[in-house]
Every structure is written in C-alpha cells, then in structure tokens.
C-alpha cells in the first residue's frame, strides 16, 4: 500500500529504522495526522510455536511505543494484539500437538497487550 512501511528486526538495523519511523511520524504530524497503526514484522529467528517474543517487554513493539511516546506524548498508537507475527506456525494462536487449532486464550492476549503498553 502506498505510504506504508515495513520496519522489522534486521541484523542490527533497528536503530536506523526507528530513526526512519520517527522521521515519517514527524512528517505525518506536520500535516495533522496524530495516530499510527503498528503491525510488527519480527525477525524469523525470534518466532516459535508459542509466539514467546510477543511477551517480551523489550521486543520490537514495546520499544517502538516507548520511543514514540517519549518523543510524541500525545500520539495515538494502535497496535495489533495478536500472536501471528510472532508464531513460527503463522497462526493467531497456539497449535496443539494433535494439530487442532486452539483459539488464543483471552488471558494470553491481555498479557501481550500489557507487555506492549
């Protein structure tokens, strides 16, 4: 989509990408846009079947939120509270050993949300 950027974990380039993000947020704010949506794209090595990286308080989304809120306290940030970006299976939940898809537990998603905020 035009004007959309993917900024994920990439071999030490996170700081450069955070600067890139801040530059684009500043441009958006200059024309009256005061909200953004974050959809994480995490490094493949951080993914696993249970999406553990989603609960990392020092992960991609929490770090970006802290950076942006420090720089722009009034910025409205919407986040994708789901497990699929962190799951090696690509599911928005945990796949059981019998292969049956298990809907994500509300408690897990609340925990993920609390890590991001």
C-alpha atoms as a PDB file:
ATOM      1  CA  UNK A   1       0.000   0.000   0.000  1.00  0.00           C
ATOM      2  CA  UNK A   2       1.299   3.466  -0.775  1.00  0.00           C
ATOM      3  CA  UNK A   3       2.764   5.228   2.233  1.00  0.00           C
ATOM      4  CA  UNK A   4       3.105   2.020   4.283  1.00  0.00           C
ATOM      5  CA  UNK A   5       6.497   0.899   5.506  1.00  0.00           C
ATOM      6  CA  UNK A   6       7.731  -2.377   6.967  1.00  0.00           C
ATOM      7  CA  UNK A   7      10.185  -1.810   9.765  1.00  0.00           C
ATOM      8  CA  UNK A   8      11.252  -5.034  11.458  1.00  0.00           C
ATOM      9  CA  UNK A   9      14.206  -6.610  13.187  1.00  0.00           C
ATOM     10  CA  UNK A  10      17.046  -6.868  10.697  1.00  0.00           C
ATOM     11  CA  UNK A  11      20.642  -7.617  11.643  1.00  0.00           C
ATOM     12  CA  UNK A  12      21.333  -4.597  13.818  1.00  0.00           C
ATOM     13  CA  UNK A  13      19.452  -2.041  11.730  1.00  0.00           C
ATOM     14  CA  UNK A  14      16.758  -1.428  14.332  1.00  0.00           C
ATOM     15  CA  UNK A  15      18.148   1.950  15.434  1.00  0.00           C
ATOM     16  CA  UNK A  16      18.294   3.144  11.831  1.00  0.00           C
ATOM     17  CA  UNK A  17      14.715   2.000  11.233  1.00  0.00           C
ATOM     18  CA  UNK A  18      13.484   3.684  14.421  1.00  0.00           C
ATOM     19  CA  UNK A  19      15.001   6.957  13.170  1.00  0.00           C
ATOM     20  CA  UNK A  20      13.262   6.378   9.825  1.00  0.00           C
ATOM     21  CA  UNK A  21       9.958   5.780  11.634  1.00  0.00           C
ATOM     22  CA  UNK A  22      10.329   8.937  13.759  1.00  0.00           C
ATOM     23  CA  UNK A  23      11.045  10.966  10.626  1.00  0.00           C
ATOM     24  CA  UNK A  24       7.853   9.712   8.969  1.00  0.00           C
ATOM     25  CA  UNK A  25       5.762  10.204  12.104  1.00  0.00           C
ATOM     26  CA  UNK A  26       7.047  13.804  12.255  1.00  0.00           C
ATOM     27  CA  UNK A  27       6.014  14.326   8.604  1.00  0.00           C
ATOM     28  CA  UNK A  28       2.558  12.890   9.285  1.00  0.00           C
ATOM     29  CA  UNK A  29       2.100  15.068  12.364  1.00  0.00           C
ATOM     30  CA  UNK A  30       3.131  18.131  10.336  1.00  0.00           C
ATOM     31  CA  UNK A  31       0.049  17.634   8.141  1.00  0.00           C
ATOM     32  CA  UNK A  32      -2.302  16.884  11.047  1.00  0.00           C
ATOM     33  CA  UNK A  33      -2.081  13.087  11.369  1.00  0.00           C
ATOM     34  CA  UNK A  34      -1.772  12.178  15.038  1.00  0.00           C
ATOM     35  CA  UNK A  35      -2.323   8.428  15.038  1.00  0.00           C
ATOM     36  CA  UNK A  36      -0.474   5.426  13.662  1.00  0.00           C
ATOM     37  CA  UNK A  37      -1.018   1.686  13.485  1.00  0.00           C
ATOM     38  CA  UNK A  38       1.771  -0.769  14.280  1.00  0.00           C
ATOM     39  CA  UNK A  39       1.809  -4.235  12.747  1.00  0.00           C
ATOM     40  CA  UNK A  40       5.023  -5.974  13.810  1.00  0.00           C
ATOM     41  CA  UNK A  41       7.328  -7.855  11.481  1.00  0.00           C
ATOM     42  CA  UNK A  42       9.750  -9.737  13.706  1.00  0.00           C
ATOM     43  CA  UNK A  43      12.957 -11.492  12.743  1.00  0.00           C
ATOM     44  CA  UNK A  44      12.321 -15.147  11.839  1.00  0.00           C
ATOM     45  CA  UNK A  45      14.791 -16.393  14.463  1.00  0.00           C
ATOM     46  CA  UNK A  46      12.587 -14.852  17.183  1.00  0.00           C
ATOM     47  CA  UNK A  47       9.495 -16.816  16.145  1.00  0.00           C
ATOM     48  CA  UNK A  48       8.433 -20.078  17.765  1.00  0.00           C
ATOM     49  CA  UNK A  49       5.255 -22.204  18.000  1.00  0.00           C
ATOM     50  CA  UNK A  50       4.027 -20.382  21.122  1.00  0.00           C
ATOM     51  CA  UNK A  51       4.921 -16.837  19.995  1.00  0.00           C
ATOM     52  CA  UNK A  52       7.050 -16.108  23.063  1.00  0.00           C
ATOM     53  CA  UNK A  53       8.522 -12.927  21.551  1.00  0.00           C
ATOM     54  CA  UNK A  54       5.041 -11.366  21.811  1.00  0.00           C
ATOM     55  CA  UNK A  55       5.532 -11.210  25.584  1.00  0.00           C
ATOM     56  CA  UNK A  56       8.990  -9.632  25.502  1.00  0.00           C
ATOM     57  CA  UNK A  57       8.795  -6.249  27.265  1.00  0.00           C
ATOM     58  CA  UNK A  58      11.924  -5.255  25.362  1.00  0.00           C
ATOM     59  CA  UNK A  59      10.652  -6.518  21.999  1.00  0.00           C
ATOM     60  CA  UNK A  60      10.046  -4.587  18.816  1.00  0.00           C
ATOM     61  CA  UNK A  61       6.574  -3.156  19.540  1.00  0.00           C
ATOM     62  CA  UNK A  62       7.165  -2.146  23.183  1.00  0.00           C
ATOM     63  CA  UNK A  63      10.445  -0.444  22.235  1.00  0.00           C
ATOM     64  CA  UNK A  64       8.855   1.466  19.381  1.00  0.00           C
ATOM     65  CA  UNK A  65       5.911   2.517  21.553  1.00  0.00           C
ATOM     66  CA  UNK A  66       8.266   3.806  24.271  1.00  0.00           C
ATOM     67  CA  UNK A  67      10.375   5.667  21.696  1.00  0.00           C
ATOM     68  CA  UNK A  68       7.372   7.303  20.041  1.00  0.00           C
ATOM     69  CA  UNK A  69       5.604   8.154  23.312  1.00  0.00           C
ATOM     70  CA  UNK A  70       8.787   9.739  24.677  1.00  0.00           C
ATOM     71  CA  UNK A  71       9.080  11.857  21.533  1.00  0.00           C
ATOM     72  CA  UNK A  72       5.348  12.486  20.932  1.00  0.00           C
ATOM     73  CA  UNK A  73       3.376  12.003  24.202  1.00  0.00           C
ATOM     74  CA  UNK A  74       0.046  12.873  22.569  1.00  0.00           C
ATOM     75  CA  UNK A  75       0.488  10.462  19.630  1.00  0.00           C
ATOM     76  CA  UNK A  76      -2.267   7.848  19.398  1.00  0.00           C
ATOM     77  CA  UNK A  77      -0.813   4.408  18.685  1.00  0.00           C
ATOM     78  CA  UNK A  78      -2.963   1.476  17.643  1.00  0.00           C
ATOM     79  CA  UNK A  79      -1.407  -1.968  17.885  1.00  0.00           C
ATOM     80  CA  UNK A  80      -2.200  -5.379  16.506  1.00  0.00           C
ATOM     81  CA  UNK A  81      -2.709  -7.522  19.608  1.00  0.00           C
ATOM     82  CA  UNK A  82      -2.293 -10.930  18.037  1.00  0.00           C
ATOM     83  CA  UNK A  83       0.175 -13.783  18.026  1.00  0.00           C
ATOM     84  CA  UNK A  84       0.564 -14.498  14.305  1.00  0.00           C
ATOM     85  CA  UNK A  85       3.528 -12.122  13.734  1.00  0.00           C
ATOM     86  CA  UNK A  86       5.421 -13.980  16.467  1.00  0.00           C
ATOM     87  CA  UNK A  87       4.338 -17.534  15.698  1.00  0.00           C
ATOM     88  CA  UNK A  88       6.501 -19.812  13.585  1.00  0.00           C
ATOM     89  CA  UNK A  89       3.259 -21.514  12.536  1.00  0.00           C
ATOM     90  CA  UNK A  90       1.749 -18.219  11.372  1.00  0.00           C
ATOM     91  CA  UNK A  91      -1.402 -18.768  13.420  1.00  0.00           C
ATOM     92  CA  UNK A  92      -3.050 -16.196  15.651  1.00  0.00           C
ATOM     93  CA  UNK A  93      -2.951 -18.671  18.490  1.00  0.00           C
ATOM     94  CA  UNK A  94      -1.259 -21.834  19.601  1.00  0.00           C
ATOM     95  CA  UNK A  95      -1.455 -25.046  17.594  1.00  0.00           C
ATOM     96  CA  UNK A  96      -1.847 -28.098  19.805  1.00  0.00           C
ATOM     97  CA  UNK A  97       0.174 -31.289  19.391  1.00  0.00           C
ATOM     98  CA  UNK A  98      -2.811 -33.097  17.842  1.00  0.00           C
ATOM     99  CA  UNK A  99      -2.825 -30.499  15.068  1.00  0.00           C
ATOM    100  CA  UNK A 100      -6.059 -28.892  16.189  1.00  0.00           C
ATOM    101  CA  UNK A 101      -6.020 -25.114  16.165  1.00  0.00           C
ATOM    102  CA  UNK A 102      -6.650 -23.691  19.601  1.00  0.00           C
ATOM    103  CA  UNK A 103      -8.193 -20.214  19.717  1.00  0.00           C
ATOM    104  CA  UNK A 104      -5.924 -17.825  21.594  1.00  0.00           C
ATOM    105  CA  UNK A 105      -6.722 -17.580  25.244  1.00  0.00           C
ATOM    106  CA  UNK A 106      -8.047 -14.141  26.181  1.00  0.00           C
ATOM    107  CA  UNK A 107      -5.612 -14.106  29.084  1.00  0.00           C
ATOM    108  CA  UNK A 108      -2.646 -14.576  26.701  1.00  0.00           C
ATOM    109  CA  UNK A 109      -3.756 -11.692  24.512  1.00  0.00           C
ATOM    110  CA  UNK A 110      -4.294  -9.473  27.561  1.00  0.00           C
ATOM    111  CA  UNK A 111      -0.800 -10.374  28.724  1.00  0.00           C
ATOM    112  CA  UNK A 112       0.575  -9.500  25.271  1.00  0.00           C
ATOM    113  CA  UNK A 113      -1.280  -6.182  25.353  1.00  0.00           C
ATOM    114  CA  UNK A 114       0.157  -5.392  28.791  1.00  0.00           C
ATOM    115  CA  UNK A 115       3.682  -6.068  27.503  1.00  0.00           C
ATOM    116  CA  UNK A 116       3.161  -3.668  24.609  1.00  0.00           C
ATOM    117  CA  UNK A 117       1.814  -0.819  26.726  1.00  0.00           C
END
